[in-house]
Amino acid sequence: MNGDLDKRLRDLAEVRRRVRGPVDAVAVVRKGRDELEHRDQRISPDAMVQGMRGQIVDARIAYPDVLHVEIKDSAGELWQLATQDAEWSPSDPAELVGRSVADADIDAETGELRCKLSDGSVLDVKPGEREAEDDPPNWELITPGGVVLEFGPGVRWQIGSADRRVS
């Protein structure tokens, strides 16, 4: 069991090292569903968040203590980020609206998502501690093409279709 976890962490760290630099968000959107249908292994958590660039057009807290953020990319397509069992900063989502996501990355060991904003600030999403086997994902990102990336609970990634939820 620990060997599997160690291998996943090494694999995620390797993906993080390989996937640096800009990714064409429109290409991610167009290929997303097709790649999922063909089980293309090139799609990775880091590649997905690297494609999330653009203006934050909405950010709000929903019940129960869930952050929802919508980002419009350069093609006018909408990316959706939501937390379920995670802490985030800044604590007031209204501070995010109007800013732009300039870069994003994931800490391979913790699943922490860091979105660097154009004004130098950071939207930081830190997964909460796992409390039960059936905990919901800590956070999820849905691309305009309908591909969903889920992180958590624990060190667990899933990529699937938003039409056919993976958890």
Foldseek 3Di string as FASTA:
>chain_A
DVVVVVVQLVVLVVVQVVDDDADALVVCLVCVVVCQVVVPPPDDPFNNQSSQKAFWADWDADPPRKIWIWGQDPVRFIKIKMFDAKDKPPPDRVVRHGWIFPGWGANSQFRWIWTQTPVRDIIIIGGDADDDPPDAFGMWMARSNQWIWTQDDPGDIDIDGNVDDPD
